[in-house]
Amino acid sequence: MSEVLKLEGVVRTFHSEGEDLHILRGADLPLRSGEIVALVAPSGSGKSTLLHLAGLLEKPDGGTIRIGGIDTARLSDSEKTTLRLNEIGFVYQAHHLLAEFTALENAALPQLIAGSTRKDAEARAAHLLDAFGLAARAHHLPGKLSGGERQRVAIARAMANAPKLLLADEPTGNLDVATADLVFAELLRVVRHENIAALIATHNPDLAARMDRVVMLRDGHLVDG
């Protein structure tokens, strides 16, 4: 398995009212293709910050972030934007679907932004929606979908450009237990089928136990769970 993401000594500090808040103090993490890793930590401990750094949405104060072997510190802002679009998929706790677009259109949008034809983008979107059991809901607006269906559309959208890396921040946190279990099972199945490296933040120990391994964020460091 090839190494998709590698964090080496990553440091992130926030400065507030004359006080330094050390979120990451030298975090290390290798993540390989086809590997699904749970990121577990209490709320407010830095899970979202770590995911934002891994997804190039924030810059670290120290250390190295490599994606596909590339030292991302050497990339320009436009190169980082291209890398995010083509290589990284994001899933958040809230679905953030566009209300005026159908499920199919929402899932196709990243490909259209990347330059795909509408025909190709919609074919890929339809394939992903079908993989998540949503073929019959493809032409429904988000307001006509259940919470679980909306989140599955959001996951399909994150996978639209066939990313090598999927970053998910409590992707089932807004769902009831039964729906969360169903959505998570489908997420794992599709991620494994597409051989994606996935880092999934969760506070749910049952969900974490279903992944390949668990890492915990403790005192600014990542340790095996």
Protein backbone atom coordinates (compact mmCIF):
# COMPACT_ATOMS: atom_id res chain seq x y z
CA MET A 1 0.00 0.00 0.00
CA SER A 2 1.33 3.42 -0.94
CA GLU A 3 1.58 6.19 1.64
CA VAL A 4 -1.06 8.82 0.93
CA LEU A 5 -0.67 11.11 3.96
CA LYS A 6 2.27 11.59 6.30
CA LEU A 7 2.36 14.02 9.19
CA GLU A 8 5.79 14.53 10.74
CA GLY A 9 6.22 16.64 13.87
CA VAL A 10 3.24 18.84 13.06
CA VAL A 11 2.84 21.80 15.41
CA ARG A 12 -0.11 24.17 15.66
CA THR A 13 -0.40 26.96 18.21
CA PHE A 14 -3.12 29.58 18.56
CA HIS A 15 -2.44 32.94 20.16
CA SER A 16 -5.28 34.48 22.15
CA GLU A 17 -5.24 37.40 24.59
CA GLY A 18 -1.53 37.09 25.23
CA GLU A 19 -1.75 33.34 25.85
CA ASP A 20 -0.43 30.52 23.64
CA LEU A 21 -2.75 27.55 23.17
CA HIS A 22 -0.72 24.55 22.01
CA ILE A 23 -3.11 22.35 20.02
CA LEU A 24 -0.53 20.12 18.33
CA ARG A 25 2.92 19.69 19.81
CA GLY A 26 4.53 17.41 17.23
CA ALA A 27 1.91 15.09 15.73
CA ASP A 28 3.06 12.15 13.60
CA LEU A 29 0.81 10.00 11.42
CA PRO A 30 1.31 7.76 8.38
CA LEU A 31 -1.81 6.85 6.39
CA ARG A 32 -1.76 4.43 3.47
CA SER A 33 -4.12 3.73 0.59
CA GLY A 34 -7.00 1.49 1.55
CA GLU A 35 -6.48 2.18 5.27
CA ILE A 36 -9.29 3.57 7.42
CA VAL A 37 -8.12 5.20 10.64
CA ALA A 38 -10.26 6.51 13.49
CA LEU A 39 -9.19 9.79 15.10
CA VAL A 40 -10.50 9.87 18.66
CA ALA A 41 -10.26 12.73 21.14
CA PRO A 42 -12.51 14.79 23.42
CA SER A 43 -14.32 17.78 21.96
CA GLY A 44 -12.12 20.85 21.78
CA SER A 45 -8.85 18.91 21.84
CA GLY A 46 -7.87 19.63 18.24
CA LYS A 47 -9.43 16.94 16.02
CA SER A 48 -10.88 19.47 13.60
CA THR A 49 -7.64 21.45 13.54
CA LEU A 50 -5.68 18.32 12.66
CA LEU A 51 -8.10 17.49 9.84
CA HIS A 52 -7.91 21.05 8.52
CA LEU A 53 -4.12 20.83 8.49
CA ALA A 54 -4.16 17.45 6.75
CA GLY A 55 -6.57 18.88 4.19
CA LEU A 56 -4.40 21.96 3.59
CA LEU A 57 -7.08 24.32 4.91
CA GLU A 58 -4.66 25.63 7.54
CA LYS A 59 -0.88 25.94 7.68
CA PRO A 60 1.10 24.28 10.47
CA ASP A 61 3.46 26.29 12.64
CA GLY A 62 6.02 23.52 12.35
CA GLY A 63 6.57 20.06 10.97
CA THR A 64 5.84 18.53 7.57
CA ILE A 65 2.65 17.45 5.81
CA ARG A 66 3.16 15.18 2.82
CA ILE A 67 0.41 14.06 0.48
CA GLY A 68 1.37 11.43 -2.05
CA GLY A 69 5.00 12.02 -1.08
CA ILE A 70 4.79 15.74 -1.88
CA ASP A 71 5.94 18.20 0.79
CA THR A 72 2.93 20.52 0.71
CA ALA A 73 4.89 23.40 2.23
CA ARG A 74 6.62 23.74 -1.13
CA LEU A 75 3.34 24.26 -2.99
CA SER A 76 1.83 27.61 -3.95
CA ASP A 77 -1.70 28.45 -2.84
CA SER A 78 -3.05 27.62 -6.31
CA GLU A 79 -1.22 24.29 -6.31
CA LYS A 80 -2.70 23.47 -2.89
CA THR A 81 -6.16 24.32 -4.21
CA THR A 82 -5.67 21.97 -7.15
CA LEU A 83 -4.38 19.24 -4.85
CA ARG A 84 -7.41 19.61 -2.56
CA LEU A 85 -9.81 19.45 -5.50
CA ASN A 86 -8.27 16.40 -7.12
CA GLU A 87 -6.80 14.36 -4.27
CA ILE A 88 -8.76 15.14 -1.09
CA GLY A 89 -12.40 14.62 -0.15
CA PHE A 90 -14.02 16.27 2.89
CA VAL A 91 -17.06 15.16 4.88
CA TYR A 92 -18.37 17.27 7.76
CA GLN A 93 -20.91 16.68 10.50
CA ALA A 94 -23.30 19.01 8.69
CA HIS A 95 -23.97 18.01 5.09
CA HIS A 96 -23.62 21.51 3.54
CA LEU A 97 -25.59 20.49 0.43
CA LEU A 98 -26.81 23.23 -1.89
CA ALA A 99 -30.55 23.42 -1.28
CA GLU A 100 -31.47 24.41 -4.84
CA PHE A 101 -29.57 21.50 -6.42
CA THR A 102 -30.75 17.89 -6.61
CA ALA A 103 -28.79 15.06 -5.00
CA LEU A 104 -27.30 14.23 -8.42
CA GLU A 105 -26.31 17.84 -9.08
CA ASN A 106 -24.73 18.20 -5.63
CA ALA A 107 -22.68 15.03 -6.14
CA ALA A 108 -21.64 16.10 -9.65
CA LEU A 109 -20.55 19.62 -8.71
CA PRO A 110 -16.90 18.89 -7.70
CA GLN A 111 -16.30 17.20 -11.04
CA LEU A 112 -17.75 20.13 -12.96
CA ILE A 113 -15.46 22.47 -11.02
CA ALA A 114 -12.53 20.20 -11.92
CA GLY A 115 -13.39 20.45 -15.62
CA SER A 116 -15.36 17.28 -16.33
CA THR A 117 -18.17 17.36 -18.87
CA ARG A 118 -21.68 17.37 -17.45
CA LYS A 119 -22.29 13.92 -18.94
CA ASP A 120 -19.23 12.41 -17.27
CA ALA A 121 -19.84 14.24 -13.98
CA GLU A 122 -23.43 13.08 -13.76
CA ALA A 123 -22.47 9.50 -14.69
CA ARG A 124 -19.94 9.37 -11.85
CA ALA A 125 -22.40 11.02 -9.46
CA ALA A 126 -25.11 8.52 -10.41
CA HIS A 127 -22.69 5.63 -9.82
CA LEU A 128 -21.83 6.90 -6.34
CA LEU A 129 -25.43 7.60 -5.38
CA ASP A 130 -26.32 4.08 -6.48
CA ALA A 131 -23.46 2.72 -4.35
CA PHE A 132 -25.02 4.49 -1.37
CA GLY A 133 -28.50 3.16 -2.16
CA LEU A 134 -29.78 6.50 -3.41
CA ALA A 135 -30.45 5.83 -7.09
CA ALA A 136 -34.17 6.43 -6.61
CA ARG A 137 -33.51 9.72 -4.80
CA ALA A 138 -31.04 11.21 -7.30
CA HIS A 139 -33.42 13.88 -8.59
CA HIS A 140 -34.75 14.96 -5.20
CA LEU A 141 -33.77 18.25 -3.59
CA PRO A 142 -32.06 18.03 -0.17
CA GLY A 143 -35.22 19.28 1.53
CA LYS A 144 -37.01 16.14 0.35
CA LEU A 145 -34.34 13.78 1.73
CA SER A 146 -33.98 12.35 5.22
CA GLY A 147 -31.00 13.27 7.39
CA GLY A 148 -29.26 10.01 6.60
CA GLU A 149 -29.88 10.42 2.89
CA ARG A 150 -28.50 13.96 2.91
CA GLN A 151 -25.33 12.79 4.64
CA ARG A 152 -24.87 9.97 2.13
CA VAL A 153 -25.15 12.51 -0.69
CA ALA A 154 -22.49 14.61 1.06
CA ILE A 155 -20.20 11.57 1.25
CA ALA A 156 -20.83 10.78 -2.43
CA ARG A 157 -19.93 14.40 -3.26
CA ALA A 158 -16.68 14.05 -1.28
CA MET A 159 -15.77 11.02 -3.38
CA ALA A 160 -16.80 12.54 -6.69
CA ASN A 161 -13.29 13.29 -7.95
CA ALA A 162 -11.98 9.86 -6.86
CA PRO A 163 -9.76 11.32 -4.11
CA LYS A 164 -6.84 9.40 -2.70
CA LEU A 165 -7.54 10.83 0.78
CA LEU A 166 -10.86 11.20 2.59
CA LEU A 167 -11.06 13.37 5.72
CA ALA A 168 -14.26 13.14 7.75
CA ASP A 169 -15.12 15.15 10.86
CA GLU A 170 -17.80 13.34 12.90
CA PRO A 171 -19.63 12.38 9.68
CA THR A 172 -22.52 10.69 11.50
CA GLY A 173 -22.60 12.97 14.54
CA ASN A 174 -25.94 14.57 13.61
CA LEU A 175 -27.74 11.27 13.00
CA ASP A 176 -29.66 8.98 15.31
CA VAL A 177 -27.95 5.75 16.33
CA ALA A 178 -29.66 3.45 13.83
CA THR A 179 -29.18 5.84 10.89
CA ALA A 180 -25.58 6.54 11.89
CA ASP A 181 -24.83 2.82 11.90
CA LEU A 182 -26.30 2.38 8.42
CA VAL A 183 -24.56 5.41 6.92
CA PHE A 184 -21.24 4.46 8.50
CA ALA A 185 -21.45 0.89 7.19
CA GLU A 186 -22.01 2.23 3.68
CA LEU A 187 -19.18 4.72 4.08
CA LEU A 188 -16.74 1.96 5.06
CA ARG A 189 -17.88 -0.28 2.22
CA VAL A 190 -17.50 2.34 -0.50
CA VAL A 191 -14.18 3.69 0.88
CA ARG A 192 -12.73 0.17 0.89
CA HIS A 193 -14.03 -0.54 -2.60
CA GLU A 194 -12.41 2.63 -3.95
CA ASN A 195 -9.16 1.96 -2.04
CA ILE A 196 -9.18 5.39 -0.41
CA ALA A 197 -7.07 6.34 2.60
CA ALA A 198 -9.49 7.69 5.20
CA LEU A 199 -9.02 9.58 8.46
CA ILE A 200 -12.32 9.76 10.31
CA ALA A 201 -12.80 11.74 13.51
CA THR A 202 -15.37 10.23 15.84
CA HIS A 203 -16.25 10.23 19.52
CA ASN A 204 -18.15 6.96 19.11
CA PRO A 205 -16.05 4.00 20.34
CA ASP A 206 -18.26 1.48 18.54
CA LEU A 207 -17.65 3.18 15.19
CA ALA A 208 -13.95 3.57 15.93
CA ALA A 209 -13.66 -0.16 16.64
CA ARG A 210 -14.88 -0.95 13.11
CA MET A 211 -11.95 0.84 11.48
CA ASP A 212 -8.51 -0.60 10.77
CA ARG A 213 -6.83 1.20 13.66
CA VAL A 214 -7.42 3.97 16.15
CA VAL A 215 -5.21 6.97 16.93
CA MET A 216 -5.89 9.26 19.86
CA LEU A 217 -5.01 12.91 20.18
CA ARG A 218 -3.49 13.31 23.60
CA ASP A 219 -1.58 16.38 24.87
CA GLY A 220 -0.94 17.51 21.31
CA HIS A 221 0.46 14.16 20.14
CA LEU A 222 -1.07 11.26 18.23
CA VAL A 223 -0.81 7.91 20.00
CA ASP A 224 -2.16 4.48 19.11
CA GLY A 225 -5.53 3.84 20.70
